[in-house]
Amino acid sequence: MKPMRATEAEQPEIYAIDRREMPAIRRAAQEMAKHLRGLSDVSQKQAITELTVAWIMAIYPDSLDLAISLSDAMRDQTDIDLQQAFETRRRKLSS
């Protein structure tokens, strides 16, 4: 199944929500990361996977296709965020 993607019409609203909530998103991520300290790298990955599965199952409890599509979309977004982070780091180092 093709990953879910926001339509062009939906993107401005999604970006506005993201920008508005970014400080809270970062705080929540940092707080969750604190709970992963002390776990091995393998255990950290497993904990993140279990959290992701629980969240996706809460959204799509009856549709494996939609659940997998959301998982694919999250992987796509992770790739985008990693690329942006590396590009930002590269620009800072070259300045």
PDB file of N, CA and C in Angstrom:
ATOM      1  N   MET A   1       0.843  -1.180   0.000  1.00  0.00           N
ATOM      2  CA  MET A   1       0.000   0.000   0.000  1.00  0.00           C
ATOM      3  C   MET A   1       0.885   1.239   0.000  1.00  0.00           C
ATOM      4  N   LYS A   2       0.500   2.209  -0.778  1.00  0.00           N
ATOM      5  CA  LYS A   2       1.250   3.455  -0.874  1.00  0.00           C
ATOM      6  C   LYS A   2       1.116   4.246   0.437  1.00  0.00           C
ATOM      7  N   PRO A   3       2.221   4.834   0.937  1.00  0.00           N
ATOM      8  CA  PRO A   3       2.133   5.589   2.194  1.00  0.00           C
ATOM      9  C   PRO A   3       1.185   6.773   2.072  1.00  0.00           C
ATOM     10  N   MET A   4       0.548   7.099   3.202  1.00  0.00           N
ATOM     11  CA  MET A   4      -0.320   8.265   3.247  1.00  0.00           C
ATOM     12  C   MET A   4       0.529   9.520   3.129  1.00  0.00           C
ATOM     13  N   ARG A   5       0.068  10.445   2.350  1.00  0.00           N
ATOM     14  CA  ARG A   5       0.754  11.726   2.217  1.00  0.00           C
ATOM     15  C   ARG A   5      -0.295  12.815   2.263  1.00  0.00           C
ATOM     16  N   ALA A   6       0.063  13.918   2.847  1.00  0.00           N
ATOM     17  CA  ALA A   6      -0.854  15.049   2.884  1.00  0.00           C
ATOM     18  C   ALA A   6      -1.012  15.606   1.473  1.00  0.00           C
ATOM     19  N   THR A   7      -2.230  15.985   1.148  1.00  0.00           N
ATOM     20  CA  THR A   7      -2.456  16.631  -0.144  1.00  0.00           C
ATOM     21  C   THR A   7      -1.914  18.049  -0.075  1.00  0.00           C
ATOM     22  N   GLU A   8      -1.749  18.677  -1.224  1.00  0.00           N
ATOM     23  CA  GLU A   8      -1.275  20.068  -1.234  1.00  0.00           C
ATOM     24  C   GLU A   8      -2.210  20.963  -0.442  1.00  0.00           C
ATOM     25  N   ALA A   9      -3.501  20.684  -0.512  1.00  0.00           N
ATOM     26  CA  ALA A   9      -4.476  21.503   0.218  1.00  0.00           C
ATOM     27  C   ALA A   9      -4.322  21.338   1.727  1.00  0.00           C
ATOM     28  N   GLU A  10      -3.895  20.162   2.185  1.00  0.00           N
ATOM     29  CA  GLU A  10      -3.747  19.901   3.618  1.00  0.00           C
ATOM     30  C   GLU A  10      -2.427  20.403   4.182  1.00  0.00           C
ATOM     31  N   GLN A  11      -1.417  20.548   3.337  1.00  0.00           N
ATOM     32  CA  GLN A  11      -0.078  20.870   3.825  1.00  0.00           C
ATOM     33  C   GLN A  11       0.022  22.173   4.608  1.00  0.00           C
ATOM     34  N   PRO A  12      -0.565  23.288   4.166  1.00  0.00           N
ATOM     35  CA  PRO A  12      -0.427  24.517   4.952  1.00  0.00           C
ATOM     36  C   PRO A  12      -0.950  24.377   6.382  1.00  0.00           C
ATOM     37  N   GLU A  13      -2.074  23.679   6.544  1.00  0.00           N
ATOM     38  CA  GLU A  13      -2.626  23.490   7.888  1.00  0.00           C
ATOM     39  C   GLU A  13      -1.710  22.610   8.735  1.00  0.00           C
ATOM     40  N   ILE A  14      -1.178  21.555   8.118  1.00  0.00           N
ATOM     41  CA  ILE A  14      -0.282  20.654   8.848  1.00  0.00           C
ATOM     42  C   ILE A  14       0.991  21.387   9.263  1.00  0.00           C
ATOM     43  N   TYR A  15       1.571  22.166   8.358  1.00  0.00           N
ATOM     44  CA  TYR A  15       2.775  22.924   8.688  1.00  0.00           C
ATOM     45  C   TYR A  15       2.500  23.953   9.784  1.00  0.00           C
ATOM     46  N   ALA A  16       1.328  24.575   9.751  1.00  0.00           N
ATOM     47  CA  ALA A  16       0.980  25.565  10.775  1.00  0.00           C
ATOM     48  C   ALA A  16       0.871  24.901  12.148  1.00  0.00           C
ATOM     49  N   ILE A  17       0.248  23.742  12.196  1.00  0.00           N
ATOM     50  CA  ILE A  17       0.140  23.000  13.462  1.00  0.00           C
ATOM     51  C   ILE A  17       1.524  22.613  13.947  1.00  0.00           C
ATOM     52  N   ASP A  18       2.340  22.103  13.045  1.00  0.00           N
ATOM     53  CA  ASP A  18       3.697  21.679  13.392  1.00  0.00           C
ATOM     54  C   ASP A  18       4.508  22.844  13.959  1.00  0.00           C
ATOM     55  N   ARG A  19       4.478  23.980  13.277  1.00  0.00           N
ATOM     56  CA  ARG A  19       5.231  25.156  13.757  1.00  0.00           C
ATOM     57  C   ARG A  19       4.722  25.600  15.127  1.00  0.00           C
ATOM     58  N   ARG A  20       3.414  25.642  15.293  1.00  0.00           N
ATOM     59  CA  ARG A  20       2.829  26.107  16.555  1.00  0.00           C
ATOM     60  C   ARG A  20       3.184  25.166  17.707  1.00  0.00           C
ATOM     61  N   GLU A  21       3.196  23.868  17.445  1.00  0.00           N
ATOM     62  CA  GLU A  21       3.399  22.891  18.515  1.00  0.00           C
ATOM     63  C   GLU A  21       4.843  22.420  18.654  1.00  0.00           C
ATOM     64  N   MET A  22       5.761  22.928  17.821  1.00  0.00           N
ATOM     65  CA  MET A  22       7.134  22.434  17.837  1.00  0.00           C
ATOM     66  C   MET A  22       7.797  22.515  19.215  1.00  0.00           C
ATOM     67  N   PRO A  23       7.654  23.602  19.974  1.00  0.00           N
ATOM     68  CA  PRO A  23       8.279  23.590  21.312  1.00  0.00           C
ATOM     69  C   PRO A  23       7.752  22.451  22.196  1.00  0.00           C
ATOM     70  N   ALA A  24       6.452  22.200  22.151  1.00  0.00           N
ATOM     71  CA  ALA A  24       5.878  21.115  22.950  1.00  0.00           C
ATOM     72  C   ALA A  24       6.317  19.754  22.418  1.00  0.00           C
ATOM     73  N   ILE A  25       6.426  19.634  21.103  1.00  0.00           N
ATOM     74  CA  ILE A  25       6.890  18.386  20.498  1.00  0.00           C
ATOM     75  C   ILE A  25       8.303  18.084  20.973  1.00  0.00           C
ATOM     76  N   ARG A  26       9.163  19.084  20.937  1.00  0.00           N
ATOM     77  CA  ARG A  26      10.561  18.868  21.350  1.00  0.00           C
ATOM     78  C   ARG A  26      10.656  18.530  22.838  1.00  0.00           C
ATOM     79  N   ARG A  27       9.864  19.225  23.667  1.00  0.00           N
ATOM     80  CA  ARG A  27       9.869  18.915  25.108  1.00  0.00           C
ATOM     81  C   ARG A  27       9.414  17.477  25.354  1.00  0.00           C
ATOM     82  N   ALA A  28       8.347  17.054  24.684  1.00  0.00           N
ATOM     83  CA  ALA A  28       7.834  15.689  24.857  1.00  0.00           C
ATOM     84  C   ALA A  28       8.874  14.663  24.412  1.00  0.00           C
ATOM     85  N   ALA A  29       9.519  14.923  23.277  1.00  0.00           N
ATOM     86  CA  ALA A  29      10.541  13.993  22.770  1.00  0.00           C
ATOM     87  C   ALA A  29      11.714  13.900  23.745  1.00  0.00           C
ATOM     88  N   GLN A  30      12.139  15.035  24.297  1.00  0.00           N
ATOM     89  CA  GLN A  30      13.248  15.022  25.254  1.00  0.00           C
ATOM     90  C   GLN A  30      12.870  14.270  26.522  1.00  0.00           C
ATOM     91  N   GLU A  31      11.636  14.438  26.963  1.00  0.00           N
ATOM     92  CA  GLU A  31      11.174  13.739  28.160  1.00  0.00           C
ATOM     93  C   GLU A  31      11.123  12.231  27.918  1.00  0.00           C
ATOM     94  N   MET A  32      10.626  11.830  26.756  1.00  0.00           N
ATOM     95  CA  MET A  32      10.595  10.399  26.434  1.00  0.00           C
ATOM     96  C   MET A  32      12.006   9.843  26.325  1.00  0.00           C
ATOM     97  N   ALA A  33      12.914  10.620  25.754  1.00  0.00           N
ATOM     98  CA  ALA A  33      14.299  10.164  25.602  1.00  0.00           C
ATOM     99  C   ALA A  33      14.951   9.936  26.966  1.00  0.00           C
ATOM    100  N   LYS A  34      14.589  10.739  27.969  1.00  0.00           N
ATOM    101  CA  LYS A  34      15.140  10.553  29.318  1.00  0.00           C
ATOM    102  C   LYS A  34      14.844   9.150  29.835  1.00  0.00           C
ATOM    103  N   HIS A  35      13.657   8.645  29.521  1.00  0.00           N
ATOM    104  CA  HIS A  35      13.261   7.327  30.007  1.00  0.00           C
ATOM    105  C   HIS A  35      14.003   6.200  29.296  1.00  0.00           C
ATOM    106  N   LEU A  36      14.638   6.511  28.182  1.00  0.00           N
ATOM    107  CA  LEU A  36      15.395   5.495  27.440  1.00  0.00           C
ATOM    108  C   LEU A  36      16.837   5.373  27.931  1.00  0.00           C
ATOM    109  N   ARG A  37      17.279   6.379  28.689  1.00  0.00           N
ATOM    110  CA  ARG A  37      18.661   6.331  29.180  1.00  0.00           C
ATOM    111  C   ARG A  37      18.868   5.080  30.015  1.00  0.00           C
ATOM    112  N   GLY A  38      20.023   4.503  29.885  1.00  0.00           N
ATOM    113  CA  GLY A  38      20.338   3.309  30.658  1.00  0.00           C
ATOM    114  C   GLY A  38      19.980   2.025  29.931  1.00  0.00           C
ATOM    115  N   LEU A  39      19.156   2.129  28.888  1.00  0.00           N
ATOM    116  CA  LEU A  39      18.859   0.942  28.079  1.00  0.00           C
ATOM    117  C   LEU A  39      19.923   0.793  27.002  1.00  0.00           C
ATOM    118  N   SER A  40      20.166  -0.421  26.592  1.00  0.00           N
ATOM    119  CA  SER A  40      21.107  -0.638  25.488  1.00  0.00           C
ATOM    120  C   SER A  40      20.505  -0.059  24.214  1.00  0.00           C
ATOM    121  N   ASP A  41      21.332   0.083  23.177  1.00  0.00           N
ATOM    122  CA  ASP A  41      20.821   0.613  21.911  1.00  0.00           C
ATOM    123  C   ASP A  41      19.732  -0.284  21.337  1.00  0.00           C
ATOM    124  N   VAL A  42      19.885  -1.587  21.482  1.00  0.00           N
ATOM    125  CA  VAL A  42      18.869  -2.524  20.996  1.00  0.00           C
ATOM    126  C   VAL A  42      17.567  -2.330  21.778  1.00  0.00           C
ATOM    127  N   SER A  43      17.670  -2.191  23.087  1.00  0.00           N
ATOM    128  CA  SER A  43      16.479  -2.007  23.915  1.00  0.00           C
ATOM    129  C   SER A  43      15.816  -0.658  23.648  1.00  0.00           C
ATOM    130  N   GLN A  44      16.610   0.370  23.377  1.00  0.00           N
ATOM    131  CA  GLN A  44      16.030   1.664  23.024  1.00  0.00           C
ATOM    132  C   GLN A  44      15.204   1.555  21.748  1.00  0.00           C
ATOM    133  N   LYS A  45      15.743   0.880  20.737  1.00  0.00           N
ATOM    134  CA  LYS A  45      15.012   0.690  19.474  1.00  0.00           C
ATOM    135  C   LYS A  45      13.726  -0.068  19.713  1.00  0.00           C
ATOM    136  N   GLN A  46      13.784  -1.109  20.543  1.00  0.00           N
ATOM    137  CA  GLN A  46      12.593  -1.908  20.817  1.00  0.00           C
ATOM    138  C   GLN A  46      11.546  -1.075  21.561  1.00  0.00           C
ATOM    139  N   ALA A  47      11.972  -0.256  22.509  1.00  0.00           N
ATOM    140  CA  ALA A  47      11.033   0.585  23.249  1.00  0.00           C
ATOM    141  C   ALA A  47      10.350   1.589  22.318  1.00  0.00           C
ATOM    142  N   ILE A  48      11.118   2.185  21.430  1.00  0.00           N
ATOM    143  CA  ILE A  48      10.551   3.140  20.472  1.00  0.00           C
ATOM    144  C   ILE A  48       9.584   2.429  19.535  1.00  0.00           C
ATOM    145  N   THR A  49       9.942   1.237  19.103  1.00  0.00           N
ATOM    146  CA  THR A  49       9.061   0.455  18.230  1.00  0.00           C
ATOM    147  C   THR A  49       7.759   0.119  18.941  1.00  0.00           C
ATOM    148  N   GLU A  50       7.843  -0.316  20.188  1.00  0.00           N
ATOM    149  CA  GLU A  50       6.629  -0.661  20.931  1.00  0.00           C
ATOM    150  C   GLU A  50       5.733   0.554  21.146  1.00  0.00           C
ATOM    151  N   LEU A  51       6.322   1.706  21.422  1.00  0.00           N
ATOM    152  CA  LEU A  51       5.538   2.933  21.564  1.00  0.00           C
ATOM    153  C   LEU A  51       4.850   3.278  20.248  1.00  0.00           C
ATOM    154  N   THR A  52       5.582   3.164  19.150  1.00  0.00           N
ATOM    155  CA  THR A  52       5.028   3.464  17.833  1.00  0.00           C
ATOM    156  C   THR A  52       3.875   2.527  17.496  1.00  0.00           C
ATOM    157  N   VAL A  53       4.065   1.235  17.735  1.00  0.00           N
ATOM    158  CA  VAL A  53       3.012   0.262  17.450  1.00  0.00           C
ATOM    159  C   VAL A  53       1.774   0.543  18.301  1.00  0.00           C
ATOM    160  N   ALA A  54       1.963   0.834  19.573  1.00  0.00           N
ATOM    161  CA  ALA A  54       0.813   1.119  20.444  1.00  0.00           C
ATOM    162  C   ALA A  54       0.051   2.346  19.948  1.00  0.00           C
ATOM    163  N   TRP A  55       0.781   3.363  19.525  1.00  0.00           N
ATOM    164  CA  TRP A  55       0.143   4.595  19.033  1.00  0.00           C
ATOM    165  C   TRP A  55      -0.613   4.325  17.733  1.00  0.00           C
ATOM    166  N   ILE A  56       0.026   3.623  16.800  1.00  0.00           N
ATOM    167  CA  ILE A  56      -0.631   3.326  15.521  1.00  0.00           C
ATOM    168  C   ILE A  56      -1.853   2.434  15.735  1.00  0.00           C
ATOM    169  N   MET A  57      -1.737   1.436  16.597  1.00  0.00           N
ATOM    170  CA  MET A  57      -2.870   0.551  16.866  1.00  0.00           C
ATOM    171  C   MET A  57      -4.044   1.301  17.495  1.00  0.00           C
ATOM    172  N   ALA A  58      -3.753   2.344  18.275  1.00  0.00           N
ATOM    173  CA  ALA A  58      -4.830   3.144  18.858  1.00  0.00           C
ATOM    174  C   ALA A  58      -5.567   3.932  17.781  1.00  0.00           C
ATOM    175  N   ILE A  59      -4.847   4.321  16.731  1.00  0.00           N
ATOM    176  CA  ILE A  59      -5.463   5.098  15.654  1.00  0.00           C
ATOM    177  C   ILE A  59      -6.199   4.191  14.674  1.00  0.00           C
ATOM    178  N   TYR A  60      -5.593   3.074  14.302  1.00  0.00           N
ATOM    179  CA  TYR A  60      -6.168   2.150  13.316  1.00  0.00           C
ATOM    180  C   TYR A  60      -6.244   0.732  13.888  1.00  0.00           C
ATOM    181  N   PRO A  61      -7.100   0.502  14.883  1.00  0.00           N
ATOM    182  CA  PRO A  61      -7.139  -0.824  15.508  1.00  0.00           C
ATOM    183  C   PRO A  61      -7.683  -1.926  14.602  1.00  0.00           C
ATOM    184  N   ASP A  62      -8.429  -1.562  13.564  1.00  0.00           N
ATOM    185  CA  ASP A  62      -9.098  -2.567  12.739  1.00  0.00           C
ATOM    186  C   ASP A  62      -8.608  -2.631  11.299  1.00  0.00           C
ATOM    187  N   SER A  63      -7.533  -1.899  10.984  1.00  0.00           N
ATOM    188  CA  SER A  63      -7.079  -1.878   9.593  1.00  0.00           C
ATOM    189  C   SER A  63      -5.565  -2.006   9.508  1.00  0.00           C
ATOM    190  N   LEU A  64      -5.122  -3.205   9.168  1.00  0.00           N
ATOM    191  CA  LEU A  64      -3.686  -3.426   9.003  1.00  0.00           C
ATOM    192  C   LEU A  64      -3.138  -2.569   7.871  1.00  0.00           C
ATOM    193  N   ASP A  65      -3.886  -2.446   6.775  1.00  0.00           N
ATOM    194  CA  ASP A  65      -3.414  -1.645   5.638  1.00  0.00           C
ATOM    195  C   ASP A  65      -3.185  -0.190   6.044  1.00  0.00           C
ATOM    196  N   LEU A  66      -4.131   0.409   6.763  1.00  0.00           N
ATOM    197  CA  LEU A  66      -3.957   1.799   7.198  1.00  0.00           C
ATOM    198  C   LEU A  66      -2.842   1.914   8.230  1.00  0.00           C
ATOM    199  N   ALA A  67      -2.744   0.941   9.117  1.00  0.00           N
ATOM    200  CA  ALA A  67      -1.678   0.958  10.129  1.00  0.00           C
ATOM    201  C   ALA A  67      -0.299   0.907   9.464  1.00  0.00           C
ATOM    202  N   ILE A  68      -0.133   0.032   8.493  1.00  0.00           N
ATOM    203  CA  ILE A  68       1.150  -0.070   7.797  1.00  0.00           C
ATOM    204  C   ILE A  68       1.412   1.186   6.972  1.00  0.00           C
ATOM    205  N   SER A  69       0.368   1.745   6.391  1.00  0.00           N
ATOM    206  CA  SER A  69       0.527   2.972   5.621  1.00  0.00           C
ATOM    207  C   SER A  69       1.009   4.111   6.522  1.00  0.00           C
ATOM    208  N   LEU A  70       0.452   4.206   7.716  1.00  0.00           N
ATOM    209  CA  LEU A  70       0.899   5.239   8.655  1.00  0.00           C
ATOM    210  C   LEU A  70       2.345   4.986   9.078  1.00  0.00           C
ATOM    211  N   SER A  71       2.687   3.727   9.313  1.00  0.00           N
ATOM    212  CA  SER A  71       4.068   3.381   9.656  1.00  0.00           C
ATOM    213  C   SER A  71       5.027   3.797   8.540  1.00  0.00           C
ATOM    214  N   ASP A  72       4.637   3.536   7.288  1.00  0.00           N
ATOM    215  CA  ASP A  72       5.461   3.945   6.144  1.00  0.00           C
ATOM    216  C   ASP A  72       5.613   5.460   6.091  1.00  0.00           C
ATOM    217  N   ALA A  73       4.526   6.171   6.327  1.00  0.00           N
ATOM    218  CA  ALA A  73       4.577   7.638   6.298  1.00  0.00           C
ATOM    219  C   ALA A  73       5.493   8.169   7.402  1.00  0.00           C
ATOM    220  N   MET A  74       5.476   7.516   8.558  1.00  0.00           N
ATOM    221  CA  MET A  74       6.345   7.946   9.657  1.00  0.00           C
ATOM    222  C   MET A  74       7.813   7.709   9.303  1.00  0.00           C
ATOM    223  N   ARG A  75       8.106   6.592   8.619  1.00  0.00           N
ATOM    224  CA  ARG A  75       9.484   6.336   8.172  1.00  0.00           C
ATOM    225  C   ARG A  75       9.916   7.394   7.161  1.00  0.00           C
ATOM    226  N   ASP A  76       9.002   7.739   6.246  1.00  0.00           N
ATOM    227  CA  ASP A  76       9.315   8.798   5.275  1.00  0.00           C
ATOM    228  C   ASP A  76       9.636  10.099   5.986  1.00  0.00           C
ATOM    229  N   GLN A  77       8.825  10.463   6.999  1.00  0.00           N
ATOM    230  CA  GLN A  77       9.055  11.713   7.719  1.00  0.00           C
ATOM    231  C   GLN A  77      10.360  11.660   8.492  1.00  0.00           C
ATOM    232  N   THR A  78      10.681  10.504   9.043  1.00  0.00           N
ATOM    233  CA  THR A  78      11.959  10.346   9.754  1.00  0.00           C
ATOM    234  C   THR A  78      13.127  10.593   8.809  1.00  0.00           C
ATOM    235  N   ASP A  79      13.039  10.044   7.601  1.00  0.00           N
ATOM    236  CA  ASP A  79      14.093  10.276   6.604  1.00  0.00           C
ATOM    237  C   ASP A  79      14.220  11.756   6.270  1.00  0.00           C
ATOM    238  N   ILE A  80      13.100  12.434   6.096  1.00  0.00           N
ATOM    239  CA  ILE A  80      13.108  13.872   5.796  1.00  0.00           C
ATOM    240  C   ILE A  80      13.757  14.641   6.940  1.00  0.00           C
ATOM    241  N   ASP A  81      13.364  14.330   8.178  1.00  0.00           N
ATOM    242  CA  ASP A  81      13.920  15.036   9.344  1.00  0.00           C
ATOM    243  C   ASP A  81      15.415  14.790   9.483  1.00  0.00           C
ATOM    244  N   LEU A  82      15.873  13.551   9.223  1.00  0.00           N
ATOM    245  CA  LEU A  82      17.306  13.260   9.277  1.00  0.00           C
ATOM    246  C   LEU A  82      18.071  14.045   8.223  1.00  0.00           C
ATOM    247  N   GLN A  83      17.554  14.089   7.009  1.00  0.00           N
ATOM    248  CA  GLN A  83      18.202  14.848   5.948  1.00  0.00           C
ATOM    249  C   GLN A  83      18.308  16.321   6.314  1.00  0.00           C
ATOM    250  N   GLN A  84      17.252  16.879   6.889  1.00  0.00           N
ATOM    251  CA  GLN A  84      17.280  18.285   7.289  1.00  0.00           C
ATOM    252  C   GLN A  84      18.274  18.515   8.416  1.00  0.00           C
ATOM    253  N   ALA A  85      18.325  17.603   9.365  1.00  0.00           N
ATOM    254  CA  ALA A  85      19.258  17.745  10.480  1.00  0.00           C
ATOM    255  C   ALA A  85      20.701  17.708   9.995  1.00  0.00           C
ATOM    256  N   PHE A  86      21.006  16.781   9.097  1.00  0.00           N
ATOM    257  CA  PHE A  86      22.366  16.696   8.572  1.00  0.00           C
ATOM    258  C   PHE A  86      22.713  17.921   7.733  1.00  0.00           C
ATOM    259  N   GLU A  87      21.755  18.417   6.959  1.00  0.00           N
ATOM    260  CA  GLU A  87      21.994  19.620   6.147  1.00  0.00           C
ATOM    261  C   GLU A  87      22.242  20.827   7.048  1.00  0.00           C
ATOM    262  N   THR A  88      21.470  20.955   8.112  1.00  0.00           N
ATOM    263  CA  THR A  88      21.660  22.059   9.058  1.00  0.00           C
ATOM    264  C   THR A  88      23.034  21.968   9.712  1.00  0.00           C
ATOM    265  N   ARG A  89      23.423  20.767  10.114  1.00  0.00           N
ATOM    266  CA  ARG A  89      24.736  20.576  10.729  1.00  0.00           C
ATOM    267  C   ARG A  89      25.842  20.907   9.732  1.00  0.00           C
ATOM    268  N   ARG A  90      25.687  20.467   8.483  1.00  0.00           N
ATOM    269  CA  ARG A  90      26.691  20.741   7.459  1.00  0.00           C
ATOM    270  C   ARG A  90      26.849  22.246   7.243  1.00  0.00           C
ATOM    271  N   ARG A  91      25.728  22.970   7.199  1.00  0.00           N
ATOM    272  CA  ARG A  91      25.794  24.428   7.009  1.00  0.00           C
ATOM    273  C   ARG A  91      26.486  25.105   8.183  1.00  0.00           C
ATOM    274  N   LYS A  92      26.218  24.650   9.396  1.00  0.00           N
ATOM    275  CA  LYS A  92      26.849  25.247  10.581  1.00  0.00           C
ATOM    276  C   LYS A  92      28.347  25.009  10.580  1.00  0.00           C
ATOM    277  N   LEU A  93      28.761  23.814  10.174  1.00  0.00           N
ATOM    278  CA  LEU A  93      30.186  23.493  10.156  1.00  0.00           C
ATOM    279  C   LEU A  93      30.941  24.247   9.074  1.00  0.00           C
ATOM    280  N   SER A  94      30.272  24.550   7.987  1.00  0.00           N
ATOM    281  CA  SER A  94      30.963  25.245   6.897  1.00  0.00           C
ATOM    282  C   SER A  94      30.924  26.762   7.058  1.00  0.00           C
ATOM    283  N   SER A  95      30.220  27.266   8.050  1.00  0.00           N
ATOM    284  CA  SER A  95      30.159  28.736   8.235  1.00  0.00           C
ATOM    285  C   SER A  95      31.341  29.267   8.994  1.00  0.00           C
TER     286      SER A  95
END
